[in-house]
Amino acid sequence: MAKISVIIPVYNTEKYIEKCLDSILKQTMQDLEIIIVNDGSTDNSEDVIKKYIEEHKNLRIKYLKKENGGLASARNCGVEHASRKIYIIYR
């Protein structure tokens, strides 16, 4: 089975990030690494993400926070921290 990193750039997505993560968890592939890159959100995205991580401690989730640099910058940050060779990038 392939080992895949799912990279999720986040900017002010507090209303949608939990639904996104739930969708990823419903996939049939089991060996996923989830990388969430908070690109300087100014809403409550960070609180939602941290709560989600706390509730799903059994998952392989990396949470990265950086200053806003745009979508490409957030994607690149996620790729730099990925430990897998195959990437799926949500937007």
N, C-alpha and C. Protein backbone atom coordinates (compact mmCIF):
# COMPACT_ATOMS: atom_id res chain seq x y z
N MET A 1 0.84 -1.18 0.00
CA MET A 1 0.00 0.00 0.00
C MET A 1 0.88 1.25 0.00
N ALA A 2 0.50 2.22 -0.78
CA ALA A 2 1.27 3.45 -0.88
C ALA A 2 1.20 4.24 0.41
N LYS A 3 2.24 4.96 0.69
CA LYS A 3 2.26 5.84 1.85
C LYS A 3 2.08 7.26 1.33
N ILE A 4 1.06 7.93 1.82
CA ILE A 4 0.65 9.21 1.25
C ILE A 4 0.59 10.29 2.31
N SER A 5 1.08 11.48 1.95
CA SER A 5 0.93 12.67 2.78
C SER A 5 -0.20 13.52 2.20
N VAL A 6 -1.16 13.86 3.03
CA VAL A 6 -2.25 14.75 2.62
C VAL A 6 -1.95 16.11 3.22
N ILE A 7 -1.74 17.10 2.35
CA ILE A 7 -1.37 18.44 2.80
C ILE A 7 -2.59 19.35 2.67
N ILE A 8 -2.94 20.01 3.78
CA ILE A 8 -4.12 20.87 3.81
C ILE A 8 -3.70 22.29 4.18
N PRO A 9 -3.58 23.18 3.19
CA PRO A 9 -3.31 24.58 3.51
C PRO A 9 -4.58 25.20 4.10
N VAL A 10 -4.43 25.95 5.17
CA VAL A 10 -5.58 26.52 5.88
C VAL A 10 -5.40 28.02 6.02
N TYR A 11 -6.43 28.76 5.60
CA TYR A 11 -6.47 30.20 5.87
C TYR A 11 -7.93 30.57 6.10
N ASN A 12 -8.26 30.87 7.34
CA ASN A 12 -9.62 31.27 7.73
C ASN A 12 -10.68 30.26 7.26
N THR A 13 -10.50 29.03 7.68
CA THR A 13 -11.42 27.96 7.26
C THR A 13 -12.13 27.32 8.46
N GLU A 14 -12.32 28.06 9.51
CA GLU A 14 -12.91 27.47 10.72
C GLU A 14 -14.25 26.80 10.43
N LYS A 15 -15.00 27.29 9.45
CA LYS A 15 -16.32 26.72 9.15
C LYS A 15 -16.21 25.40 8.38
N TYR A 16 -15.06 25.15 7.74
CA TYR A 16 -14.94 24.02 6.81
C TYR A 16 -13.89 22.98 7.17
N ILE A 17 -12.93 23.32 8.01
CA ILE A 17 -11.79 22.43 8.23
C ILE A 17 -12.20 21.10 8.87
N GLU A 18 -13.14 21.12 9.78
CA GLU A 18 -13.55 19.86 10.41
C GLU A 18 -14.21 18.93 9.38
N LYS A 19 -15.04 19.48 8.51
CA LYS A 19 -15.67 18.69 7.45
C LYS A 19 -14.62 18.12 6.52
N CYS A 20 -13.60 18.90 6.20
CA CYS A 20 -12.50 18.45 5.35
C CYS A 20 -11.78 17.28 6.00
N LEU A 21 -11.43 17.42 7.27
CA LEU A 21 -10.71 16.35 7.97
C LEU A 21 -11.56 15.10 8.10
N ASP A 22 -12.84 15.26 8.39
CA ASP A 22 -13.73 14.10 8.45
C ASP A 22 -13.78 13.37 7.12
N SER A 23 -13.81 14.12 6.04
CA SER A 23 -13.83 13.52 4.71
C SER A 23 -12.57 12.70 4.45
N ILE A 24 -11.44 13.22 4.85
CA ILE A 24 -10.18 12.50 4.66
C ILE A 24 -10.19 11.20 5.48
N LEU A 25 -10.70 11.27 6.68
CA LEU A 25 -10.72 10.10 7.56
C LEU A 25 -11.66 9.01 7.05
N LYS A 26 -12.62 9.37 6.23
CA LYS A 26 -13.56 8.39 5.68
C LYS A 26 -12.98 7.63 4.49
N GLN A 27 -11.82 8.03 4.02
CA GLN A 27 -11.19 7.34 2.90
C GLN A 27 -10.81 5.93 3.31
N THR A 28 -10.71 5.05 2.33
CA THR A 28 -10.39 3.66 2.63
C THR A 28 -8.89 3.43 2.86
N MET A 29 -8.06 4.30 2.34
CA MET A 29 -6.63 4.15 2.54
C MET A 29 -6.28 4.43 4.01
N GLN A 30 -5.58 3.53 4.61
CA GLN A 30 -5.29 3.63 6.03
C GLN A 30 -3.97 4.33 6.35
N ASP A 31 -2.99 4.21 5.48
CA ASP A 31 -1.65 4.71 5.79
C ASP A 31 -1.48 6.14 5.30
N LEU A 32 -2.16 7.06 5.97
CA LEU A 32 -2.11 8.47 5.60
C LEU A 32 -1.38 9.28 6.67
N GLU A 33 -0.64 10.26 6.20
CA GLU A 33 -0.06 11.27 7.08
C GLU A 33 -0.79 12.57 6.72
N ILE A 34 -1.41 13.21 7.68
CA ILE A 34 -2.15 14.44 7.43
C ILE A 34 -1.33 15.62 7.94
N ILE A 35 -1.06 16.57 7.04
CA ILE A 35 -0.28 17.76 7.39
C ILE A 35 -1.18 18.98 7.19
N ILE A 36 -1.47 19.67 8.28
CA ILE A 36 -2.29 20.87 8.23
C ILE A 36 -1.35 22.07 8.37
N VAL A 37 -1.39 22.97 7.40
CA VAL A 37 -0.54 24.16 7.43
C VAL A 37 -1.43 25.38 7.59
N ASN A 38 -1.40 25.98 8.78
CA ASN A 38 -2.16 27.19 9.05
C ASN A 38 -1.33 28.37 8.54
N ASP A 39 -1.84 29.00 7.49
CA ASP A 39 -1.12 30.09 6.82
C ASP A 39 -1.54 31.45 7.39
N GLY A 40 -1.43 31.59 8.71
CA GLY A 40 -1.71 32.88 9.35
C GLY A 40 -3.18 33.22 9.47
N SER A 41 -4.02 32.24 9.70
CA SER A 41 -5.46 32.49 9.85
C SER A 41 -5.73 33.52 10.94
N THR A 42 -6.76 34.32 10.70
CA THR A 42 -7.15 35.34 11.67
C THR A 42 -8.48 35.01 12.33
N ASP A 43 -9.06 33.87 11.96
CA ASP A 43 -10.31 33.43 12.60
C ASP A 43 -9.99 32.36 13.64
N ASN A 44 -10.91 31.51 13.96
CA ASN A 44 -10.71 30.47 14.97
C ASN A 44 -10.28 29.13 14.39
N SER A 45 -9.69 29.14 13.21
CA SER A 45 -9.24 27.89 12.58
C SER A 45 -8.31 27.11 13.49
N GLU A 46 -7.38 27.79 14.12
CA GLU A 46 -6.42 27.11 14.98
C GLU A 46 -7.11 26.38 16.13
N ASP A 47 -8.09 27.01 16.75
CA ASP A 47 -8.82 26.37 17.85
C ASP A 47 -9.54 25.11 17.37
N VAL A 48 -10.18 25.20 16.21
CA VAL A 48 -10.89 24.05 15.65
C VAL A 48 -9.91 22.91 15.36
N ILE A 49 -8.77 23.24 14.77
CA ILE A 49 -7.76 22.23 14.43
C ILE A 49 -7.22 21.57 15.68
N LYS A 50 -6.84 22.37 16.66
CA LYS A 50 -6.28 21.80 17.89
C LYS A 50 -7.29 20.91 18.61
N LYS A 51 -8.54 21.30 18.63
CA LYS A 51 -9.58 20.47 19.24
C LYS A 51 -9.71 19.16 18.47
N TYR A 52 -9.68 19.23 17.16
CA TYR A 52 -9.80 18.03 16.33
C TYR A 52 -8.63 17.08 16.59
N ILE A 53 -7.43 17.62 16.65
CA ILE A 53 -6.25 16.80 16.92
C ILE A 53 -6.36 16.15 18.29
N GLU A 54 -6.81 16.90 19.27
CA GLU A 54 -6.97 16.37 20.63
C GLU A 54 -7.97 15.22 20.66
N GLU A 55 -9.03 15.34 19.88
CA GLU A 55 -10.07 14.30 19.85
C GLU A 55 -9.67 13.09 19.01
N HIS A 56 -8.64 13.23 18.18
CA HIS A 56 -8.21 12.15 17.29
C HIS A 56 -6.72 11.87 17.48
N LYS A 57 -6.34 11.60 18.70
CA LYS A 57 -4.92 11.40 19.03
C LYS A 57 -4.32 10.19 18.32
N ASN A 58 -5.15 9.27 17.89
CA ASN A 58 -4.65 8.07 17.24
C ASN A 58 -4.25 8.30 15.78
N LEU A 59 -4.52 9.47 15.26
CA LEU A 59 -4.20 9.77 13.86
C LEU A 59 -2.81 10.38 13.72
N ARG A 60 -2.26 10.22 12.55
CA ARG A 60 -0.97 10.82 12.25
C ARG A 60 -1.23 12.20 11.63
N ILE A 61 -1.33 13.22 12.50
CA ILE A 61 -1.59 14.58 12.05
C ILE A 61 -0.44 15.48 12.49
N LYS A 62 0.12 16.21 11.53
CA LYS A 62 1.11 17.24 11.84
C LYS A 62 0.42 18.59 11.67
N TYR A 63 0.59 19.45 12.67
CA TYR A 63 0.02 20.79 12.58
C TYR A 63 1.16 21.80 12.52
N LEU A 64 1.18 22.58 11.45
CA LEU A 64 2.21 23.60 11.27
C LEU A 64 1.53 24.96 11.20
N LYS A 65 2.15 25.95 11.81
CA LYS A 65 1.61 27.31 11.80
C LYS A 65 2.70 28.24 11.28
N LYS A 66 2.34 29.11 10.35
CA LYS A 66 3.30 30.04 9.78
C LYS A 66 2.62 31.38 9.51
N GLU A 67 3.44 32.38 9.28
CA GLU A 67 2.90 33.67 8.88
C GLU A 67 2.30 33.55 7.50
N ASN A 68 1.30 34.38 7.22
CA ASN A 68 0.64 34.32 5.92
C ASN A 68 1.63 34.58 4.80
N GLY A 69 1.66 33.65 3.87
CA GLY A 69 2.54 33.79 2.72
C GLY A 69 1.85 33.40 1.43
N GLY A 70 0.58 33.04 1.53
CA GLY A 70 -0.17 32.65 0.36
C GLY A 70 -0.27 31.13 0.22
N LEU A 71 -1.15 30.72 -0.67
CA LEU A 71 -1.44 29.30 -0.85
C LEU A 71 -0.22 28.49 -1.27
N ALA A 72 0.54 28.98 -2.23
CA ALA A 72 1.72 28.23 -2.69
C ALA A 72 2.74 28.07 -1.57
N SER A 73 2.91 29.11 -0.79
CA SER A 73 3.84 29.06 0.34
C SER A 73 3.40 28.00 1.36
N ALA A 74 2.11 27.95 1.63
CA ALA A 74 1.58 26.96 2.58
C ALA A 74 1.76 25.54 2.03
N ARG A 75 1.49 25.35 0.74
CA ARG A 75 1.69 24.04 0.12
C ARG A 75 3.15 23.61 0.23
N ASN A 76 4.04 24.50 -0.13
CA ASN A 76 5.47 24.19 -0.09
C ASN A 76 5.93 23.85 1.33
N CYS A 77 5.41 24.54 2.30
CA CYS A 77 5.73 24.26 3.70
C CYS A 77 5.29 22.84 4.05
N GLY A 78 4.12 22.45 3.62
CA GLY A 78 3.63 21.11 3.87
C GLY A 78 4.50 20.05 3.21
N VAL A 79 4.89 20.29 1.98
CA VAL A 79 5.75 19.34 1.26
C VAL A 79 7.09 19.19 1.97
N GLU A 80 7.64 20.30 2.46
CA GLU A 80 8.92 20.26 3.16
C GLU A 80 8.86 19.40 4.42
N HIS A 81 7.71 19.32 5.05
CA HIS A 81 7.57 18.56 6.30
C HIS A 81 6.98 17.16 6.10
N ALA A 82 6.70 16.81 4.87
CA ALA A 82 6.12 15.50 4.58
C ALA A 82 7.18 14.42 4.67
N SER A 83 6.79 13.28 5.21
CA SER A 83 7.72 12.16 5.30
C SER A 83 7.41 11.10 4.24
N ARG A 84 6.42 11.35 3.42
CA ARG A 84 5.99 10.40 2.39
C ARG A 84 6.43 10.89 1.01
N LYS A 85 6.34 10.03 0.04
CA LYS A 85 6.77 10.37 -1.31
C LYS A 85 5.62 10.77 -2.22
N ILE A 86 4.41 10.47 -1.84
CA ILE A 86 3.25 10.81 -2.64
C ILE A 86 2.44 11.84 -1.89
N TYR A 87 2.05 12.93 -2.59
CA TYR A 87 1.35 14.02 -1.92
C TYR A 87 -0.02 14.25 -2.54
N ILE A 88 -0.99 14.52 -1.71
CA ILE A 88 -2.30 14.98 -2.13
C ILE A 88 -2.49 16.32 -1.44
N ILE A 89 -2.79 17.34 -2.22
CA ILE A 89 -2.93 18.67 -1.65
C ILE A 89 -4.37 19.14 -1.81
N TYR A 90 -5.05 19.36 -0.68
CA TYR A 90 -6.40 19.89 -0.69
C TYR A 90 -6.32 21.41 -0.78
N ARG A 91 -7.33 22.00 -1.37
CA ARG A 91 -7.37 23.46 -1.37
C ARG A 91 -8.77 23.94 -1.10
